Amino acid sequence: LVESGGGSVEAGGSLRLACATYGLTYSLSFMGWFRQAPGKERET
């Protein structure tokens, strides 16, 4: 799984992240985006 599209923006701006999958015979049925900030737990 390969993510792309991150970067630096000012408040109020926009970004579009992409996650491409490779090597799968059958597509993954359930997917999600998760994040982890410094000092915080990973969250959905």
Full PDB file with SEQRES, HELIX, SHEET, SSBOND, CRYST1, ORIGX, SCALE, CONECT and MASTER records, all heavy atoms in Angstrom:
SEQRES   1 A   44  LEU VAL GLU SER GLY GLY GLY SER VAL GLU ALA GLY GLY          
SEQRES   2 A   44  SER LEU ARG LEU ALA CYS ALA THR TYR GLY LEU THR TYR          
SEQRES   3 A   44  SER LEU SER PHE MET GLY TRP PHE ARG GLN ALA PRO GLY          
SEQRES   4 A   44  LYS GLU ARG GLU THR                                          
SHEET    1 AA1 2 VAL A   2  SER A   4  0                                        
SHEET    2 AA1 2 ALA A  18  ALA A  20 -1                                        
CRYST1    1.000    1.000    1.000  90.00  90.00  90.00 P 1           1          
ORIGX1      1.000000  0.000000  0.000000        0.00000                         
ORIGX2      0.000000  1.000000  0.000000        0.00000                         
ORIGX3      0.000000  0.000000  1.000000        0.00000                         
SCALE1      1.000000  0.000000  0.000000        0.00000                         
SCALE2      0.000000  1.000000  0.000000        0.00000                         
SCALE3      0.000000  0.000000  1.000000        0.00000                         
ATOM      1  N   LEU A   1       0.864  -1.163   0.000  1.00  0.00           N  
ATOM      2  CA  LEU A   1       0.000   0.000   0.000  1.00  0.00           C  
ATOM      3  C   LEU A   1       0.907   1.220   0.000  1.00  0.00           C  
ATOM      4  O   LEU A   1       1.811   1.318   0.836  1.00  0.00           O  
ATOM      5  CB  LEU A   1      -0.910   0.030   1.229  1.00  0.00           C  
ATOM      6  CG  LEU A   1      -2.212  -0.778   1.201  1.00  0.00           C  
ATOM      7  CD1 LEU A   1      -1.944  -2.268   1.023  1.00  0.00           C  
ATOM      8  CD2 LEU A   1      -3.008  -0.527   2.475  1.00  0.00           C  
ATOM      9  N   VAL A   2       0.672   2.143  -0.920  1.00  0.00           N  
ATOM     10  CA  VAL A   2       1.546   3.292  -1.088  1.00  0.00           C  
ATOM     11  C   VAL A   2       0.716   4.569  -1.039  1.00  0.00           C  
ATOM     12  O   VAL A   2      -0.108   4.810  -1.915  1.00  0.00           O  
ATOM     13  CB  VAL A   2       2.331   3.218  -2.407  1.00  0.00           C  
ATOM     14  CG1 VAL A   2       3.255   4.430  -2.534  1.00  0.00           C  
ATOM     15  CG2 VAL A   2       3.128   1.925  -2.480  1.00  0.00           C  
ATOM     16  N   GLU A   3       0.960   5.393  -0.012  1.00  0.00           N  
ATOM     17  CA  GLU A   3       0.274   6.676   0.131  1.00  0.00           C  
ATOM     18  C   GLU A   3       1.043   7.775  -0.595  1.00  0.00           C  
ATOM     19  O   GLU A   3       2.270   7.725  -0.704  1.00  0.00           O  
ATOM     20  CB  GLU A   3       0.131   7.072   1.607  1.00  0.00           C  
ATOM     21  CG  GLU A   3      -0.617   6.073   2.465  1.00  0.00           C  
ATOM     22  CD  GLU A   3       0.311   5.210   3.281  1.00  0.00           C  
ATOM     23  OE1 GLU A   3       1.451   4.960   2.816  1.00  0.00           O  
ATOM     24  OE2 GLU A   3      -0.077   4.789   4.385  1.00  0.00           O  
ATOM     25  N   SER A   4       0.307   8.779  -1.045  1.00  0.00           N  
ATOM     26  CA  SER A   4       0.912   9.951  -1.661  1.00  0.00           C  
ATOM     27  C   SER A   4      -0.015  11.143  -1.457  1.00  0.00           C  
ATOM     28  O   SER A   4      -1.169  10.986  -1.073  1.00  0.00           O  
ATOM     29  CB  SER A   4       1.176   9.725  -3.153  1.00  0.00           C  
ATOM     30  OG  SER A   4      -0.031   9.467  -3.848  1.00  0.00           O  
ATOM     31  N   GLY A   5       0.490  12.335  -1.720  1.00  0.00           N  
ATOM     32  CA  GLY A   5      -0.331  13.531  -1.695  1.00  0.00           C  
ATOM     33  C   GLY A   5      -0.169  14.414  -0.478  1.00  0.00           C  
ATOM     34  O   GLY A   5      -0.769  15.497  -0.424  1.00  0.00           O  
ATOM     35  N   GLY A   6       0.618  13.999   0.489  1.00  0.00           N  
ATOM     36  CA  GLY A   6       0.843  14.834   1.652  1.00  0.00           C  
ATOM     37  C   GLY A   6       1.682  16.049   1.321  1.00  0.00           C  
ATOM     38  O   GLY A   6       2.250  16.165   0.232  1.00  0.00           O  
ATOM     39  N   GLY A   7       1.754  16.968   2.267  1.00  0.00           N  
ATOM     40  CA  GLY A   7       2.524  18.178   2.073  1.00  0.00           C  
ATOM     41  C   GLY A   7       2.216  19.196   3.141  1.00  0.00           C  
ATOM     42  O   GLY A   7       1.591  18.878   4.157  1.00  0.00           O  
ATOM     43  N   SER A   8       2.661  20.415   2.910  1.00  0.00           N  
ATOM     44  CA  SER A   8       2.456  21.524   3.837  1.00  0.00           C  
ATOM     45  C   SER A   8       1.500  22.541   3.241  1.00  0.00           C  
ATOM     46  O   SER A   8       1.669  22.965   2.092  1.00  0.00           O  
ATOM     47  CB  SER A   8       3.790  22.199   4.156  1.00  0.00           C  
ATOM     48  OG  SER A   8       4.683  21.298   4.792  1.00  0.00           O  
ATOM     49  N   VAL A   9       0.489  22.919   4.021  1.00  0.00           N  
ATOM     50  CA  VAL A   9      -0.501  23.898   3.585  1.00  0.00           C  
ATOM     51  C   VAL A   9      -0.826  24.834   4.729  1.00  0.00           C  
ATOM     52  O   VAL A   9      -0.589  24.522   5.899  1.00  0.00           O  
ATOM     53  CB  VAL A   9      -1.805  23.242   3.079  1.00  0.00           C  
ATOM     54  CG1 VAL A   9      -1.541  22.385   1.848  1.00  0.00           C  
ATOM     55  CG2 VAL A   9      -2.440  22.410   4.185  1.00  0.00           C  
ATOM     56  N   GLU A  10      -1.388  25.990   4.389  1.00  0.00           N  
ATOM     57  CA  GLU A  10      -1.876  26.916   5.400  1.00  0.00           C  
ATOM     58  C   GLU A  10      -3.274  26.512   5.851  1.00  0.00           C  
ATOM     59  O   GLU A  10      -3.999  25.819   5.139  1.00  0.00           O  
ATOM     60  CB  GLU A  10      -1.908  28.336   4.851  1.00  0.00           C  
ATOM     61  CG  GLU A  10      -0.533  28.884   4.510  1.00  0.00           C  
ATOM     62  CD  GLU A  10      -0.576  30.308   4.008  1.00  0.00           C  
ATOM     63  OE1 GLU A  10      -1.690  30.883   3.914  1.00  0.00           O  
ATOM     64  OE2 GLU A  10       0.490  30.863   3.717  1.00  0.00           O  
ATOM     65  N   ALA A  11      -3.635  26.919   7.053  1.00  0.00           N  
ATOM     66  CA  ALA A  11      -4.972  26.644   7.556  1.00  0.00           C  
ATOM     67  C   ALA A  11      -6.024  27.112   6.558  1.00  0.00           C  
ATOM     68  O   ALA A  11      -5.918  28.199   5.988  1.00  0.00           O  
ATOM     69  CB  ALA A  11      -5.177  27.322   8.902  1.00  0.00           C  
ATOM     70  N   GLY A  12      -7.038  26.269   6.361  1.00  0.00           N  
ATOM     71  CA  GLY A  12      -8.075  26.554   5.382  1.00  0.00           C  
ATOM     72  C   GLY A  12      -7.812  25.962   4.017  1.00  0.00           C  
ATOM     73  O   GLY A  12      -8.717  25.959   3.169  1.00  0.00           O  
ATOM     74  N   GLY A  13      -6.626  25.449   3.801  1.00  0.00           N  
ATOM     75  CA  GLY A  13      -6.269  24.857   2.527  1.00  0.00           C  
ATOM     76  C   GLY A  13      -6.753  23.432   2.388  1.00  0.00           C  
ATOM     77  O   GLY A  13      -7.400  22.871   3.280  1.00  0.00           O  
ATOM     78  N   SER A  14      -6.414  22.817   1.253  1.00  0.00           N  
ATOM     79  CA  SER A  14      -6.872  21.468   0.923  1.00  0.00           C  
ATOM     80  C   SER A  14      -5.731  20.603   0.427  1.00  0.00           C  
ATOM     81  O   SER A  14      -4.751  21.094  -0.147  1.00  0.00           O  
ATOM     82  CB  SER A  14      -7.954  21.520  -0.160  1.00  0.00           C  
ATOM     83  OG  SER A  14      -9.099  22.222   0.271  1.00  0.00           O  
ATOM     84  N   LEU A  15      -5.873  19.307   0.649  1.00  0.00           N  
ATOM     85  CA  LEU A  15      -4.986  18.296   0.099  1.00  0.00           C  
ATOM     86  C   LEU A  15      -5.816  17.079  -0.271  1.00  0.00           C  
ATOM     87  O   LEU A  15      -6.867  16.832   0.327  1.00  0.00           O  
ATOM     88  CB  LEU A  15      -3.914  17.869   1.105  1.00  0.00           C  
ATOM     89  CG  LEU A  15      -2.787  18.843   1.428  1.00  0.00           C  
ATOM     90  CD1 LEU A  15      -1.974  18.301   2.607  1.00  0.00           C  
ATOM     91  CD2 LEU A  15      -1.888  19.056   0.221  1.00  0.00           C  
ATOM     92  N   ARG A  16      -5.340  16.318  -1.244  1.00  0.00           N  
ATOM     93  CA  ARG A  16      -5.956  15.040  -1.567  1.00  0.00           C  
ATOM     94  C   ARG A  16      -4.913  13.942  -1.446  1.00  0.00           C  
ATOM     95  O   ARG A  16      -3.906  13.948  -2.159  1.00  0.00           O  
ATOM     96  CB  ARG A  16      -6.560  15.015  -2.977  1.00  0.00           C  
ATOM     97  CG  ARG A  16      -7.407  13.756  -3.217  1.00  0.00           C  
ATOM     98  CD  ARG A  16      -8.041  13.708  -4.593  1.00  0.00           C  
ATOM     99  NE  ARG A  16      -7.076  13.364  -5.632  1.00  0.00           N  
ATOM    100  CZ  ARG A  16      -7.376  12.715  -6.754  1.00  0.00           C  
ATOM    101  NH1 ARG A  16      -8.635  12.343  -6.979  1.00  0.00           N  
ATOM    102  NH2 ARG A  16      -6.450  12.470  -7.645  1.00  0.00           N  
ATOM    103  N   LEU A  17      -5.151  13.015  -0.535  1.00  0.00           N  
ATOM    104  CA  LEU A  17      -4.283  11.872  -0.356  1.00  0.00           C  
ATOM    105  C   LEU A  17      -4.773  10.710  -1.210  1.00  0.00           C  
ATOM    106  O   LEU A  17      -5.970  10.544  -1.422  1.00  0.00           O  
ATOM    107  CB  LEU A  17      -4.248  11.441   1.109  1.00  0.00           C  
ATOM    108  CG  LEU A  17      -3.920  12.519   2.147  1.00  0.00           C  
ATOM    109  CD1 LEU A  17      -3.841  11.887   3.535  1.00  0.00           C  
ATOM    110  CD2 LEU A  17      -2.631  13.236   1.803  1.00  0.00           C  
ATOM    111  N   ALA A  18      -3.848   9.895  -1.687  1.00  0.00           N  
ATOM    112  CA  ALA A  18      -4.171   8.699  -2.443  1.00  0.00           C  
ATOM    113  C   ALA A  18      -3.454   7.510  -1.838  1.00  0.00           C  
ATOM    114  O   ALA A  18      -2.336   7.638  -1.322  1.00  0.00           O  
ATOM    115  CB  ALA A  18      -3.785   8.855  -3.906  1.00  0.00           C  
ATOM    116  N   CYS A  19      -4.086   6.355  -1.893  1.00  0.00           N  
ATOM    117  CA  CYS A  19      -3.492   5.104  -1.438  1.00  0.00           C  
ATOM    118  C   CYS A  19      -3.687   4.070  -2.532  1.00  0.00           C  
ATOM    119  O   CYS A  19      -4.810   3.598  -2.747  1.00  0.00           O  
ATOM    120  CB  CYS A  19      -4.133   4.641  -0.130  1.00  0.00           C  
ATOM    121  SG  CYS A  19      -3.567   3.021   0.443  1.00  0.00           S  
ATOM    122  N   ALA A  20      -2.624   3.744  -3.220  1.00  0.00           N  
ATOM    123  CA  ALA A  20      -2.656   2.729  -4.265  1.00  0.00           C  
ATOM    124  C   ALA A  20      -2.242   1.385  -3.692  1.00  0.00           C  
ATOM    125  O   ALA A  20      -1.318   1.308  -2.886  1.00  0.00           O  
ATOM    126  CB  ALA A  20      -1.736   3.120  -5.411  1.00  0.00           C  
ATOM    127  N   THR A  21      -2.923   0.322  -4.111  1.00  0.00           N  
ATOM    128  CA  THR A  21      -2.617  -1.017  -3.634  1.00  0.00           C  
ATOM    129  C   THR A  21      -2.032  -1.847  -4.769  1.00  0.00           C  
ATOM    130  O   THR A  21      -2.446  -1.731  -5.923  1.00  0.00           O  
ATOM    131  CB  THR A  21      -3.856  -1.716  -3.060  1.00  0.00           C  
ATOM    132  OG1 THR A  21      -4.837  -1.886  -4.091  1.00  0.00           O  
ATOM    133  CG2 THR A  21      -4.457  -0.900  -1.928  1.00  0.00           C  
ATOM    134  N   TYR A  22      -1.082  -2.700  -4.413  1.00  0.00           N  
ATOM    135  CA  TYR A  22      -0.386  -3.528  -5.392  1.00  0.00           C  
ATOM    136  C   TYR A  22      -0.267  -4.955  -4.881  1.00  0.00           C  
ATOM    137  O   TYR A  22      -0.175  -5.195  -3.679  1.00  0.00           O  
ATOM    138  CB  TYR A  22       1.021  -2.980  -5.663  1.00  0.00           C  
ATOM    139  CG  TYR A  22       1.048  -1.554  -6.132  1.00  0.00           C  
ATOM    140  CD1 TYR A  22       1.186  -0.512  -5.222  1.00  0.00           C  
ATOM    141  CD2 TYR A  22       0.935  -1.247  -7.481  1.00  0.00           C  
ATOM    142  CE1 TYR A  22       1.211   0.804  -5.645  1.00  0.00           C  
ATOM    143  CE2 TYR A  22       0.957   0.063  -7.911  1.00  0.00           C  
ATOM    144  CZ  TYR A  22       1.098   1.084  -6.995  1.00  0.00           C  
ATOM    145  OH  TYR A  22       1.120   2.393  -7.418  1.00  0.00           O  
ATOM    146  N   GLY A  23      -0.244  -5.904  -5.805  1.00  0.00           N  
ATOM    147  CA  GLY A  23       0.015  -7.298  -5.472  1.00  0.00           C  
ATOM    148  C   GLY A  23      -1.153  -8.074  -4.914  1.00  0.00           C  
ATOM    149  O   GLY A  23      -0.951  -9.171  -4.385  1.00  0.00           O  
ATOM    150  N   LEU A  24      -2.362  -7.555  -5.042  1.00  0.00           N  
ATOM    151  CA  LEU A  24      -3.547  -8.206  -4.496  1.00  0.00           C  
ATOM    152  C   LEU A  24      -4.304  -8.973  -5.579  1.00  0.00           C  
ATOM    153  O   LEU A  24      -4.645  -8.408  -6.619  1.00  0.00           O  
ATOM    154  CB  LEU A  24      -4.478  -7.185  -3.871  1.00  0.00           C  
ATOM    155  CG  LEU A  24      -4.008  -6.554  -2.557  1.00  0.00           C  
ATOM    156  CD1 LEU A  24      -4.763  -5.268  -2.296  1.00  0.00           C  
ATOM    157  CD2 LEU A  24      -4.197  -7.537  -1.413  1.00  0.00           C  
ATOM    158  N   THR A  25      -4.576 -10.244  -5.315  1.00  0.00           N  
ATOM    159  CA  THR A  25      -5.434 -11.010  -6.202  1.00  0.00           C  
ATOM    160  C   THR A  25      -6.893 -10.593  -6.039  1.00  0.00           C  
ATOM    161  O   THR A  25      -7.636 -10.481  -7.017  1.00  0.00           O  
ATOM    162  CB  THR A  25      -5.279 -12.513  -5.931  1.00  0.00           C  
ATOM    163  OG1 THR A  25      -3.915 -12.902  -6.122  1.00  0.00           O  
ATOM    164  CG2 THR A  25      -6.157 -13.329  -6.869  1.00  0.00           C  
ATOM    165  N   TYR A  26      -7.292 -10.357  -4.791  1.00  0.00           N  
ATOM    166  CA  TYR A  26      -8.623  -9.871  -4.466  1.00  0.00           C  
ATOM    167  C   TYR A  26      -8.501  -8.539  -3.752  1.00  0.00           C  
ATOM    168  O   TYR A  26      -7.690  -8.394  -2.832  1.00  0.00           O  
ATOM    169  CB  TYR A  26      -9.375 -10.878  -3.600  1.00  0.00           C  
ATOM    170  CG  TYR A  26      -9.547 -12.227  -4.254  1.00  0.00           C  
ATOM    171  CD1 TYR A  26      -8.712 -13.296  -3.946  1.00  0.00           C  
ATOM    172  CD2 TYR A  26     -10.547 -12.426  -5.196  1.00  0.00           C  
ATOM    173  CE1 TYR A  26      -8.867 -14.526  -4.552  1.00  0.00           C  
ATOM    174  CE2 TYR A  26     -10.710 -13.653  -5.814  1.00  0.00           C  
ATOM    175  CZ  TYR A  26      -9.871 -14.702  -5.487  1.00  0.00           C  
ATOM    176  OH  TYR A  26     -10.034 -15.924  -6.093  1.00  0.00           O  
ATOM    177  N   SER A  27      -9.312  -7.582  -4.160  1.00  0.00           N  
ATOM    178  CA  SER A  27      -9.274  -6.257  -3.564  1.00  0.00           C  
ATOM    179  C   SER A  27      -9.623  -6.313  -2.080  1.00  0.00           C  
ATOM    180  O   SER A  27     -10.424  -7.136  -1.653  1.00  0.00           O  
ATOM    181  CB  SER A  27     -10.250  -5.329  -4.284  1.00  0.00           C  
ATOM    182  OG  SER A  27      -9.893  -5.174  -5.644  1.00  0.00           O  
ATOM    183  N   LEU A  28      -9.017  -5.418  -1.316  1.00  0.00           N  
ATOM    184  CA  LEU A  28      -9.319  -5.319   0.098  1.00  0.00           C  
ATOM    185  C   LEU A  28     -10.708  -4.706   0.274  1.00  0.00           C  
ATOM    186  O   LEU A  28     -10.994  -3.643  -0.270  1.00  0.00           O  
ATOM    187  CB  LEU A  28      -8.268  -4.472   0.807  1.00  0.00           C  
ATOM    188  CG  LEU A  28      -6.837  -5.013   0.721  1.00  0.00           C  
ATOM    189  CD1 LEU A  28      -5.854  -4.029   1.350  1.00  0.00           C  
ATOM    190  CD2 LEU A  28      -6.731  -6.376   1.384  1.00  0.00           C  
ATOM    191  N   SER A  29     -11.554  -5.392   1.032  1.00  0.00           N  
ATOM    192  CA  SER A  29     -12.942  -4.978   1.170  1.00  0.00           C  
ATOM    193  C   SER A  29     -13.118  -3.773   2.086  1.00  0.00           C  
ATOM    194  O   SER A  29     -14.035  -2.974   1.893  1.00  0.00           O  
ATOM    195  CB  SER A  29     -13.791  -6.130   1.699  1.00  0.00           C  
ATOM    196  OG  SER A  29     -13.728  -7.243   0.833  1.00  0.00           O  
ATOM    197  N   PHE A  30     -12.271  -3.665   3.080  1.00  0.00           N  
ATOM    198  CA  PHE A  30     -12.375  -2.642   4.114  1.00  0.00           C  
ATOM    199  C   PHE A  30     -11.064  -1.890   4.179  1.00  0.00           C  
ATOM    200  O   PHE A  30     -10.005  -2.486   4.396  1.00  0.00           O  
ATOM    201  CB  PHE A  30     -12.703  -3.280   5.457  1.00  0.00           C  
ATOM    202  CG  PHE A  30     -12.805  -2.310   6.588  1.00  0.00           C  
ATOM    203  CD1 PHE A  30     -13.937  -1.534   6.752  1.00  0.00           C  
ATOM    204  CD2 PHE A  30     -11.770  -2.175   7.511  1.00  0.00           C  
ATOM    205  CE1 PHE A  30     -14.050  -0.641   7.799  1.00  0.00           C  
ATOM    206  CE2 PHE A  30     -11.867  -1.285   8.563  1.00  0.00           C  
ATOM    207  CZ  PHE A  30     -13.012  -0.512   8.706  1.00  0.00           C  
ATOM    208  N   MET A  31     -11.121  -0.585   3.989  1.00  0.00           N  
ATOM    209  CA  MET A  31      -9.930   0.238   4.055  1.00  0.00           C  
ATOM    210  C   MET A  31     -10.204   1.482   4.874  1.00  0.00           C  
ATOM    211  O   MET A  31     -11.364   1.864   5.074  1.00  0.00           O  
ATOM    212  CB  MET A  31      -9.434   0.609   2.654  1.00  0.00           C  
ATOM    213  CG  MET A  31      -9.072  -0.602   1.810  1.00  0.00           C  
ATOM    214  SD  MET A  31      -8.164  -0.191   0.298  1.00  0.00           S  
ATOM    215  CE  MET A  31      -6.590   0.326   0.997  1.00  0.00           C  
ATOM    216  N   GLY A  32      -9.134   2.092   5.337  1.00  0.00           N  
ATOM    217  CA  GLY A  32      -9.303   3.278   6.146  1.00  0.00           C  
ATOM    218  C   GLY A  32      -8.087   4.179   6.115  1.00  0.00           C  
ATOM    219  O   GLY A  32      -7.001   3.783   5.670  1.00  0.00           O  
ATOM    220  N   TRP A  33      -8.320   5.380   6.577  1.00  0.00           N  
ATOM    221  CA  TRP A  33      -7.270   6.366   6.768  1.00  0.00           C  
ATOM    222  C   TRP A  33      -7.100   6.611   8.257  1.00  0.00           C  
ATOM    223  O   TRP A  33      -8.090   6.780   8.980  1.00  0.00           O  
ATOM    224  CB  TRP A  33      -7.602   7.679   6.057  1.00  0.00           C  
ATOM    225  CG  TRP A  33      -7.538   7.578   4.567  1.00  0.00           C  
ATOM    226  CD1 TRP A  33      -8.568   7.357   3.710  1.00  0.00           C  
ATOM    227  CD2 TRP A  33      -6.363   7.704   3.767  1.00  0.00           C  
ATOM    228  NE1 TRP A  33      -8.119   7.333   2.413  1.00  0.00           N  
ATOM    229  CE2 TRP A  33      -6.759   7.541   2.421  1.00  0.00           C  
ATOM    230  CE3 TRP A  33      -5.017   7.935   4.034  1.00  0.00           C  
ATOM    231  CZ2 TRP A  33      -5.867   7.608   1.359  1.00  0.00           C  
ATOM    232  CZ3 TRP A  33      -4.120   8.002   2.979  1.00  0.00           C  
ATOM    233  CH2 TRP A  33      -4.550   7.836   1.661  1.00  0.00           C  
ATOM    234  N   PHE A  34      -5.864   6.661   8.698  1.00  0.00           N  
ATOM    235  CA  PHE A  34      -5.523   6.804  10.104  1.00  0.00           C  
ATOM    236  C   PHE A  34      -4.416   7.836  10.229  1.00  0.00           C  
ATOM    237  O   PHE A  34      -3.675   8.075   9.276  1.00  0.00           O  
ATOM    238  CB  PHE A  34      -5.086   5.453  10.677  1.00  0.00           C  
ATOM    239  CG  PHE A  34      -6.048   4.350  10.348  1.00  0.00           C  
ATOM    240  CD1 PHE A  34      -5.931   3.630   9.167  1.00  0.00           C  
ATOM    241  CD2 PHE A  34      -7.095   4.053  11.203  1.00  0.00           C  
ATOM    242  CE1 PHE A  34      -6.832   2.626   8.846  1.00  0.00           C  
ATOM    243  CE2 PHE A  34      -8.010   3.048  10.893  1.00  0.00           C  
ATOM    244  CZ  PHE A  34      -7.879   2.344   9.716  1.00  0.00           C  
ATOM    245  N   ARG A  35      -4.312   8.468  11.383  1.00  0.00           N  
ATOM    246  CA  ARG A  35      -3.278   9.470  11.563  1.00  0.00           C  
ATOM    247  C   ARG A  35      -2.707   9.413  12.969  1.00  0.00           C  
ATOM    248  O   ARG A  35      -3.359   8.966  13.912  1.00  0.00           O  
ATOM    249  CB  ARG A  35      -3.812  10.879  11.272  1.00  0.00           C  
ATOM    250  CG  ARG A  35      -4.841  11.388  12.265  1.00  0.00           C  
ATOM    251  CD  ARG A  35      -5.409  12.724  11.801  1.00  0.00           C  
ATOM    252  NE  ARG A  35      -6.366  13.269  12.751  1.00  0.00           N  
ATOM    253  CZ  ARG A  35      -7.115  14.339  12.525  1.00  0.00           C  
ATOM    254  NH1 ARG A  35      -7.021  14.987  11.365  1.00  0.00           N  
ATOM    255  NH2 ARG A  35      -7.962  14.770  13.456  1.00  0.00           N  
ATOM    256  N   GLN A  36      -1.468   9.874  13.087  1.00  0.00           N  
ATOM    257  CA  GLN A  36      -0.815   9.948  14.370  1.00  0.00           C  
ATOM    258  C   GLN A  36      -0.018  11.239  14.448  1.00  0.00           C  
ATOM    259  O   GLN A  36       0.878  11.469  13.639  1.00  0.00           O  
ATOM    260  CB  GLN A  36       0.097   8.748  14.607  1.00  0.00           C  
ATOM    261  CG  GLN A  36       0.667   8.696  16.012  1.00  0.00           C  
ATOM    262  CD  GLN A  36       1.270   7.350  16.343  1.00  0.00           C  
ATOM    263  OE1 GLN A  36       1.577   6.555  15.464  1.00  0.00           O  
ATOM    264  NE2 GLN A  36       1.431   7.082  17.622  1.00  0.00           N  
ATOM    265  N   ALA A  37      -0.371  12.067  15.413  1.00  0.00           N  
ATOM    266  CA  ALA A  37       0.330  13.312  15.663  1.00  0.00           C  
ATOM    267  C   ALA A  37       1.315  13.110  16.808  1.00  0.00           C  
ATOM    268  O   ALA A  37       1.146  12.210  17.631  1.00  0.00           O  
ATOM    269  CB  ALA A  37      -0.662  14.415  16.009  1.00  0.00           C  
ATOM    270  N   PRO A  38       2.345  13.954  16.889  1.00  0.00           N  
ATOM    271  CA  PRO A  38       3.316  13.824  17.986  1.00  0.00           C  
ATOM    272  C   PRO A  38       2.630  13.864  19.345  1.00  0.00           C  
ATOM    273  O   PRO A  38       1.804  14.735  19.615  1.00  0.00           O  
ATOM    274  CB  PRO A  38       4.226  15.031  17.784  1.00  0.00           C  
ATOM    275  CG  PRO A  38       4.145  15.320  16.324  1.00  0.00           C  
ATOM    276  CD  PRO A  38       2.720  15.025  15.951  1.00  0.00           C  
ATOM    277  N   GLY A  39       2.967  12.908  20.201  1.00  0.00           N  
ATOM    278  CA  GLY A  39       2.413  12.855  21.533  1.00  0.00           C  
ATOM    279  C   GLY A  39       1.008  12.303  21.638  1.00  0.00           C  
ATOM    280  O   GLY A  39       0.438  12.287  22.734  1.00  0.00           O  
ATOM    281  N   LYS A  40       0.439  11.857  20.530  1.00  0.00           N  
ATOM    282  CA  LYS A  40      -0.914  11.329  20.537  1.00  0.00           C  
ATOM    283  C   LYS A  40      -0.945   9.892  20.032  1.00  0.00           C  
ATOM    284  O   LYS A  40      -0.036   9.444  19.343  1.00  0.00           O  
ATOM    285  CB  LYS A  40      -1.835  12.186  19.666  1.00  0.00           C  
ATOM    286  CG  LYS A  40      -2.093  13.582  20.193  1.00  0.00           C  
ATOM    287  CD  LYS A  40      -3.140  14.289  19.359  1.00  0.00           C  
ATOM    288  CE  LYS A  40      -3.492  15.636  19.933  1.00  0.00           C  
ATOM    289  NZ  LYS A  40      -4.545  16.305  19.123  1.00  0.00           N  
ATOM    290  N   GLU A  41      -2.011   9.191  20.384  1.00  0.00           N  
ATOM    291  CA  GLU A  41      -2.229   7.845  19.880  1.00  0.00           C  
ATOM    292  C   GLU A  41      -2.709   7.899  18.436  1.00  0.00           C  
ATOM    293  O   GLU A  41      -3.299   8.889  17.996  1.00  0.00           O  
ATOM    294  CB  GLU A  41      -3.259   7.118  20.742  1.00  0.00           C  
ATOM    295  CG  GLU A  41      -2.841   6.906  22.183  1.00  0.00           C  
ATOM    296  CD  GLU A  41      -1.650   5.982  22.307  1.00  0.00           C  
ATOM    297  OE1 GLU A  41      -1.597   4.968  21.567  1.00  0.00           O  
ATOM    298  OE2 GLU A  41      -0.772   6.257  23.129  1.00  0.00           O  
ATOM    299  N   ARG A  42      -2.464   6.827  17.716  1.00  0.00           N  
ATOM    300  CA  ARG A  42      -2.984   6.724  16.367  1.00  0.00           C  
ATOM    301  C   ARG A  42      -4.506   6.650  16.413  1.00  0.00           C  
ATOM    302  O   ARG A  42      -5.082   5.958  17.262  1.00  0.00           O  
ATOM    303  CB  ARG A  42      -2.406   5.493  15.663  1.00  0.00           C  
ATOM    304  CG  ARG A  42      -2.725   5.425  14.182  1.00  0.00           C  
ATOM    305  CD  ARG A  42      -1.939   4.320  13.484  1.00  0.00           C  
ATOM    306  NE  ARG A  42      -0.506   4.571  13.534  1.00  0.00           N  
ATOM    307  CZ  ARG A  42       0.401   3.831  12.909  1.00  0.00           C  
ATOM    308  NH1 ARG A  42       0.019   2.783  12.179  1.00  0.00           N  
ATOM    309  NH2 ARG A  42       1.687   4.122  13.011  1.00  0.00           N  
ATOM    310  N   GLU A  43      -5.165   7.374  15.509  1.00  0.00           N  
ATOM    311  CA  GLU A  43      -6.616   7.422  15.505  1.00  0.00           C  
ATOM    312  C   GLU A  43      -7.171   7.192  14.109  1.00  0.00           C  
ATOM    313  O   GLU A  43      -6.521   7.477  13.105  1.00  0.00           O  
ATOM    314  CB  GLU A  43      -7.114   8.764  16.050  1.00  0.00           C  
ATOM    315  CG  GLU A  43      -6.709   9.951  15.205  1.00  0.00           C  
ATOM    316  CD  GLU A  43      -7.274  11.262  15.713  1.00  0.00           C  
ATOM    317  OE1 GLU A  43      -8.312  11.234  16.417  1.00  0.00           O  
ATOM    318  OE2 GLU A  43      -6.683  12.317  15.420  1.00  0.00           O  
ATOM    319  N   THR A  44      -8.391   6.696  14.073  1.00  0.00           N  
ATOM    320  CA  THR A  44      -9.093   6.506  12.816  1.00  0.00           C  
ATOM    321  C   THR A  44      -9.657   7.830  12.331  1.00  0.00           C  
ATOM    322  O   THR A  44     -10.302   8.554  13.089  1.00  0.00           O  
ATOM    323  CB  THR A  44     -10.230   5.489  12.981  1.00  0.00           C  
ATOM    324  OG1 THR A  44      -9.705   4.251  13.458  1.00  0.00           O  
ATOM    325  CG2 THR A  44     -10.935   5.248  11.658  1.00  0.00           C  
TER     326      THR A  44                                                      
MASTER        0    0    0    0    2    0    0    6  325    1    0    4          
END                                                                             
